[in-house]
Amino acid sequence: MKTVLVTGAASGFGRGVALGLARRGHKVIAGCQIWPQVWELRQAAVAEDLDLQVVKLDVLNEMDRAKAFEQNIDVLFNNAGIMESGPMVEIPLSVVRSVFETNVFAALELAQGFARQMVRRGAGRIVWTSSVAGLVKVPFDGAYAASKHAVEGLCSALREELKPYGVQVATINPGAFRTGFNDTGMEAMDQWWSQGERVVEHWPVRELTHQHDPAEMIAAMIEVIEADHPPYRTVRPQAALDMARREQAEEWELTV
């Protein structure tokens, strides 16, 4: 059994993985951003009679990160993230910076802290939620996609740098799943869109009608955490994997 710290455990994939791992007998430390989420997830665990340690872990909060580093863990599931949408010519830079602060810099600080612990021990694993958006173009969601492209660069470097020390790095690349993350991320741009003169059109499509059951992705995440030698990159669903490979190949032939 493994000791696993899950960030962003209050909802979506993080919640599903935290509860799923606890059901399978792992020691799970579930990090939630705010205290009401901590309370709610604790009650959910009690209702299932699960041994789940739920802690406050706002990844942007220095004190919360320092408290988390007191834990000795086998696996860091670097899952917390935010999505902000909007065309790149219009999206406020403050919004872009907030996406990178959460998805890249705060997550890297957690990875650095726990990697040091793992290197000293000579074992450990960092599993990082990236996205299919980190592998392909995503018009009107460029800030989020750019943050996940950054995650891809960080993880590929970490993978090679930590391999000699017995520490494994793996990425998870979800496509579109029905967790609410994509829906609210698309809606987020409405908070600032009306505040100023615009030169390009608003996101042309708002309904997400082809999202998948998150159970498929949660099961794959748990498998990556549990397996002795998981793949470096795990993309679900299969349609997203096929699309990413096709688009990456097409990029080499594009003209402008």
Protein backbone atom coordinates (compact mmCIF):
# COMPACT_ATOMS: atom_id res chain seq x y z
CA MET A 1 0.00 0.00 0.00
CA LYS A 2 1.19 3.52 -0.80
CA THR A 3 0.99 6.86 0.96
CA VAL A 4 -0.39 9.33 -1.60
CA LEU A 5 -0.89 13.08 -1.37
CA VAL A 6 -3.63 14.30 -3.73
CA THR A 7 -3.93 18.02 -4.41
CA GLY A 8 -7.19 19.48 -5.66
CA ALA A 9 -9.10 16.69 -3.92
CA ALA A 10 -12.31 18.61 -3.24
CA SER A 11 -13.89 17.88 -6.61
CA GLY A 12 -13.50 16.28 -10.00
CA PHE A 13 -10.62 13.92 -10.69
CA GLY A 14 -8.88 14.67 -7.39
CA ARG A 15 -11.89 13.74 -5.33
CA GLY A 16 -12.51 10.59 -7.33
CA VAL A 17 -8.89 9.47 -7.03
CA ALA A 18 -8.64 10.26 -3.31
CA LEU A 19 -11.78 8.31 -2.46
CA GLY A 20 -10.90 5.53 -4.91
CA LEU A 21 -7.44 5.01 -3.46
CA ALA A 22 -8.80 5.06 0.10
CA ARG A 23 -11.35 2.40 -0.85
CA ARG A 24 -8.45 0.27 -2.08
CA GLY A 25 -6.63 0.54 1.25
CA HIS A 26 -3.99 3.17 0.49
CA LYS A 27 -3.11 5.89 2.97
CA VAL A 28 -4.44 9.01 1.28
CA ILE A 29 -3.83 12.62 2.24
CA ALA A 30 -6.46 14.65 0.40
CA GLY A 31 -5.67 18.33 0.01
CA CYS A 32 -8.54 20.82 -0.35
CA GLN A 33 -8.27 24.52 -1.07
CA ILE A 34 -10.61 25.93 1.60
CA TRP A 35 -11.87 24.77 4.99
CA PRO A 36 -15.51 24.16 3.94
CA GLN A 37 -14.21 21.71 1.34
CA VAL A 38 -12.13 19.98 4.02
CA TRP A 39 -15.21 19.53 6.20
CA GLU A 40 -17.38 18.29 3.34
CA LEU A 41 -14.87 15.71 2.12
CA ARG A 42 -14.30 14.47 5.67
CA GLN A 43 -18.02 13.88 6.01
CA ALA A 44 -18.10 12.02 2.72
CA ALA A 45 -15.28 9.76 3.93
CA VAL A 46 -17.04 9.12 7.24
CA ALA A 47 -20.23 8.20 5.37
CA GLU A 48 -18.27 5.45 3.58
CA ASP A 49 -16.26 4.51 6.68
CA LEU A 50 -13.05 5.36 4.84
CA ASP A 51 -9.72 6.13 6.47
CA LEU A 52 -9.03 9.36 4.58
CA GLN A 53 -6.86 12.17 5.93
CA VAL A 54 -8.27 15.45 4.62
CA VAL A 55 -6.13 18.57 5.00
CA LYS A 56 -6.28 22.19 3.94
CA LEU A 57 -3.86 22.62 1.07
CA ASP A 58 -4.27 25.72 -1.02
CA VAL A 59 -1.34 25.19 -3.37
CA LEU A 60 -0.84 28.98 -3.60
CA ASN A 61 -0.51 29.30 0.18
CA GLU A 62 3.07 29.12 1.44
CA MET A 63 2.01 28.01 4.92
CA ASP A 64 -0.20 25.26 3.52
CA ARG A 65 2.66 23.99 1.34
CA ALA A 66 5.06 24.04 4.29
CA LYS A 67 2.58 22.05 6.38
CA ALA A 68 2.19 19.52 3.56
CA PHE A 69 5.96 18.99 3.42
CA GLU A 70 5.77 17.54 6.94
CA GLN A 71 4.21 14.44 5.41
CA ASN A 72 6.29 11.50 4.24
CA ILE A 73 4.71 10.23 1.04
CA ASP A 74 5.35 7.68 -1.67
CA VAL A 75 3.40 9.48 -4.40
CA LEU A 76 2.60 13.12 -5.07
CA PHE A 77 -0.46 13.45 -7.28
CA ASN A 78 -0.01 17.02 -8.49
CA ASN A 79 -3.60 17.49 -9.60
CA ALA A 80 -4.84 20.92 -8.49
CA GLY A 81 -5.44 23.28 -11.38
CA ILE A 82 -7.58 26.06 -12.79
CA MET A 83 -8.85 26.91 -16.27
CA GLU A 84 -9.40 30.41 -17.63
CA SER A 85 -10.55 30.90 -21.19
CA GLY A 86 -10.52 33.71 -23.71
CA PRO A 87 -8.82 34.71 -26.97
CA MET A 88 -5.15 35.48 -26.46
CA VAL A 89 -5.44 39.01 -27.85
CA GLU A 90 -8.11 39.87 -25.27
CA ILE A 91 -7.47 37.86 -22.10
CA PRO A 92 -6.12 40.05 -19.26
CA LEU A 93 -2.52 39.29 -18.35
CA SER A 94 -3.55 39.11 -14.69
CA VAL A 95 -5.74 36.14 -15.61
CA VAL A 96 -2.92 34.48 -17.54
CA ARG A 97 -0.60 34.95 -14.57
CA SER A 98 -3.14 33.41 -12.19
CA VAL A 99 -3.36 30.30 -14.39
CA PHE A 100 0.42 29.90 -14.39
CA GLU A 101 0.69 30.57 -10.65
CA THR A 102 -1.58 27.61 -9.90
CA ASN A 103 -0.94 25.19 -12.74
CA VAL A 104 2.82 25.71 -13.06
CA PHE A 105 4.61 27.58 -10.28
CA ALA A 106 2.74 26.36 -7.18
CA ALA A 107 2.68 22.81 -8.54
CA LEU A 108 6.41 23.00 -9.24
CA GLU A 109 7.08 24.16 -5.69
CA LEU A 110 5.26 21.09 -4.39
CA ALA A 111 7.12 18.86 -6.82
CA GLN A 112 10.46 20.34 -5.78
CA GLY A 113 9.78 19.92 -2.08
CA PHE A 114 8.62 16.33 -2.26
CA ALA A 115 11.23 15.39 -4.87
CA ARG A 116 13.97 16.34 -2.40
CA GLN A 117 12.39 14.01 0.14
CA MET A 118 12.14 11.24 -2.44
CA VAL A 119 15.72 11.67 -3.69
CA ARG A 120 17.05 11.32 -0.15
CA ARG A 121 15.02 8.12 0.24
CA GLY A 122 15.93 6.81 -3.21
CA ALA A 123 12.32 6.16 -4.19
CA GLY A 124 9.07 7.92 -4.98
CA ARG A 125 6.76 9.01 -7.75
CA ILE A 126 5.36 12.33 -8.96
CA VAL A 127 2.20 12.01 -11.04
CA TRP A 128 1.20 15.33 -12.60
CA THR A 129 -2.16 16.13 -14.15
CA SER A 130 -1.37 17.75 -17.46
CA SER A 131 -3.97 17.77 -20.24
CA VAL A 132 -4.50 16.94 -23.87
CA ALA A 133 -4.41 20.75 -24.09
CA GLY A 134 -0.71 20.48 -23.27
CA LEU A 135 -0.13 18.50 -26.47
CA VAL A 136 -2.23 20.30 -29.08
CA LYS A 137 -3.58 23.73 -30.06
CA VAL A 138 -6.64 24.97 -28.19
CA PRO A 139 -8.04 28.21 -29.65
CA PHE A 140 -9.86 30.39 -27.10
CA ASP A 141 -8.20 28.44 -24.28
CA GLY A 142 -4.60 29.38 -24.98
CA ALA A 143 -3.68 30.46 -21.44
CA TYR A 144 -4.68 27.11 -19.96
CA ALA A 145 -3.10 25.21 -22.85
CA ALA A 146 0.13 27.20 -22.47
CA SER A 147 0.27 26.33 -18.77
CA LYS A 148 -0.10 22.64 -19.61
CA HIS A 149 2.53 22.87 -22.35
CA ALA A 150 4.76 24.26 -19.59
CA VAL A 151 3.86 21.28 -17.40
CA GLU A 152 4.89 18.96 -20.23
CA GLY A 153 8.28 20.67 -20.43
CA LEU A 154 8.81 20.53 -16.69
CA CYS A 155 7.82 16.88 -16.43
CA SER A 156 10.00 15.72 -19.31
CA ALA A 157 12.99 17.39 -17.65
CA LEU A 158 12.11 16.07 -14.18
CA ARG A 159 11.70 12.55 -15.57
CA GLU A 160 15.29 12.42 -16.79
CA GLU A 161 16.81 14.38 -13.91
CA LEU A 162 15.22 12.22 -11.20
CA LYS A 163 15.56 8.82 -12.87
CA PRO A 164 19.13 8.22 -11.53
CA TYR A 165 17.80 8.72 -7.99
CA GLY A 166 14.98 6.19 -8.21
CA VAL A 167 12.21 8.79 -8.48
CA GLN A 168 9.61 8.30 -11.21
CA VAL A 169 7.64 11.01 -13.03
CA ALA A 170 4.45 10.41 -15.00
CA THR A 171 1.87 12.63 -16.65
CA ILE A 172 -1.89 12.28 -16.96
CA ASN A 173 -3.49 13.94 -20.00
CA PRO A 174 -7.27 14.06 -19.78
CA GLY A 175 -9.43 15.03 -22.70
CA ALA A 176 -12.93 16.41 -22.11
CA PHE A 177 -14.67 14.77 -19.14
CA ARG A 178 -17.87 15.69 -17.32
CA THR A 179 -16.43 17.04 -14.07
CA GLY A 180 -17.64 20.63 -14.53
CA PHE A 181 -14.04 21.85 -14.89
CA ASN A 182 -14.29 22.60 -18.60
CA ASP A 183 -17.76 24.14 -18.34
CA THR A 184 -16.84 26.65 -15.64
CA GLY A 185 -13.47 27.31 -17.25
CA MET A 186 -15.21 28.38 -20.45
CA GLU A 187 -17.69 30.52 -18.52
CA ALA A 188 -14.92 32.27 -16.58
CA MET A 189 -14.18 34.70 -19.40
CA ASP A 190 -17.63 36.26 -18.98
CA GLN A 191 -16.34 37.87 -15.76
CA TRP A 192 -14.15 40.26 -17.74
CA TRP A 193 -15.39 40.16 -21.35
CA SER A 194 -17.78 43.12 -21.03
CA GLN A 195 -15.15 45.30 -19.35
CA GLY A 196 -13.60 47.02 -22.33
CA GLU A 197 -13.73 47.30 -26.10
CA ARG A 198 -13.16 44.00 -27.92
CA VAL A 199 -11.60 43.51 -31.36
CA VAL A 200 -12.24 39.77 -31.79
CA GLU A 201 -15.30 37.60 -31.24
CA HIS A 202 -16.33 35.87 -28.03
CA TRP A 203 -15.80 32.09 -27.79
CA PRO A 204 -18.05 30.86 -30.63
CA VAL A 205 -19.14 27.56 -29.03
CA ARG A 206 -20.35 27.25 -25.45
CA GLU A 207 -22.10 23.89 -25.16
CA LEU A 208 -19.86 20.94 -24.35
CA THR A 209 -21.87 18.04 -25.69
CA HIS A 210 -19.18 15.39 -26.17
CA GLN A 211 -17.67 15.07 -22.71
CA HIS A 212 -16.92 11.63 -21.31
CA ASP A 213 -17.68 9.82 -18.06
CA PRO A 214 -14.92 10.82 -15.59
CA ALA A 215 -14.90 7.29 -14.15
CA GLU A 216 -12.71 6.21 -17.09
CA MET A 217 -10.08 8.84 -16.33
CA ILE A 218 -10.20 8.30 -12.56
CA ALA A 219 -9.60 4.56 -13.03
CA ALA A 220 -6.61 5.30 -15.27
CA MET A 221 -5.19 7.75 -12.73
CA ILE A 222 -5.46 5.18 -9.95
CA GLU A 223 -3.75 2.62 -12.18
CA VAL A 224 -0.83 4.99 -12.82
CA ILE A 225 -0.46 5.63 -9.08
CA GLU A 226 -0.61 1.93 -8.18
CA ALA A 227 1.41 0.30 -10.99
CA ASP A 228 5.06 -0.59 -10.47
CA HIS A 229 6.07 0.76 -13.87
CA PRO A 230 3.27 2.89 -15.36
CA PRO A 231 3.57 4.58 -18.75
CA TYR A 232 5.11 8.03 -18.72
CA ARG A 233 2.06 9.54 -20.45
CA THR A 234 -1.56 8.41 -20.05
CA VAL A 235 -4.17 9.95 -22.35
CA ARG A 236 -7.89 9.25 -22.11
CA PRO A 237 -10.24 8.82 -23.89
CA GLN A 238 -8.80 7.01 -26.90
CA ALA A 239 -10.34 9.60 -29.22
CA ALA A 240 -8.28 12.32 -27.52
CA LEU A 241 -5.10 10.29 -27.94
CA ASP A 242 -5.81 9.79 -31.64
CA MET A 243 -6.57 13.49 -32.08
CA ALA A 244 -3.37 14.56 -30.30
CA ARG A 245 -1.17 12.32 -32.43
CA ARG A 246 -2.87 13.49 -35.60
CA GLU A 247 -2.60 17.19 -34.74
CA GLN A 248 1.04 16.91 -33.66
CA ALA A 249 1.89 15.33 -37.02
CA GLU A 250 -0.07 17.97 -38.91
CA GLU A 251 1.82 20.81 -37.21
CA TRP A 252 4.94 19.89 -39.20
CA GLU A 253 3.16 20.51 -42.49
CA LEU A 254 1.28 23.73 -41.73
CA THR A 255 1.82 26.97 -43.61
CA VAL A 256 0.67 30.47 -42.60
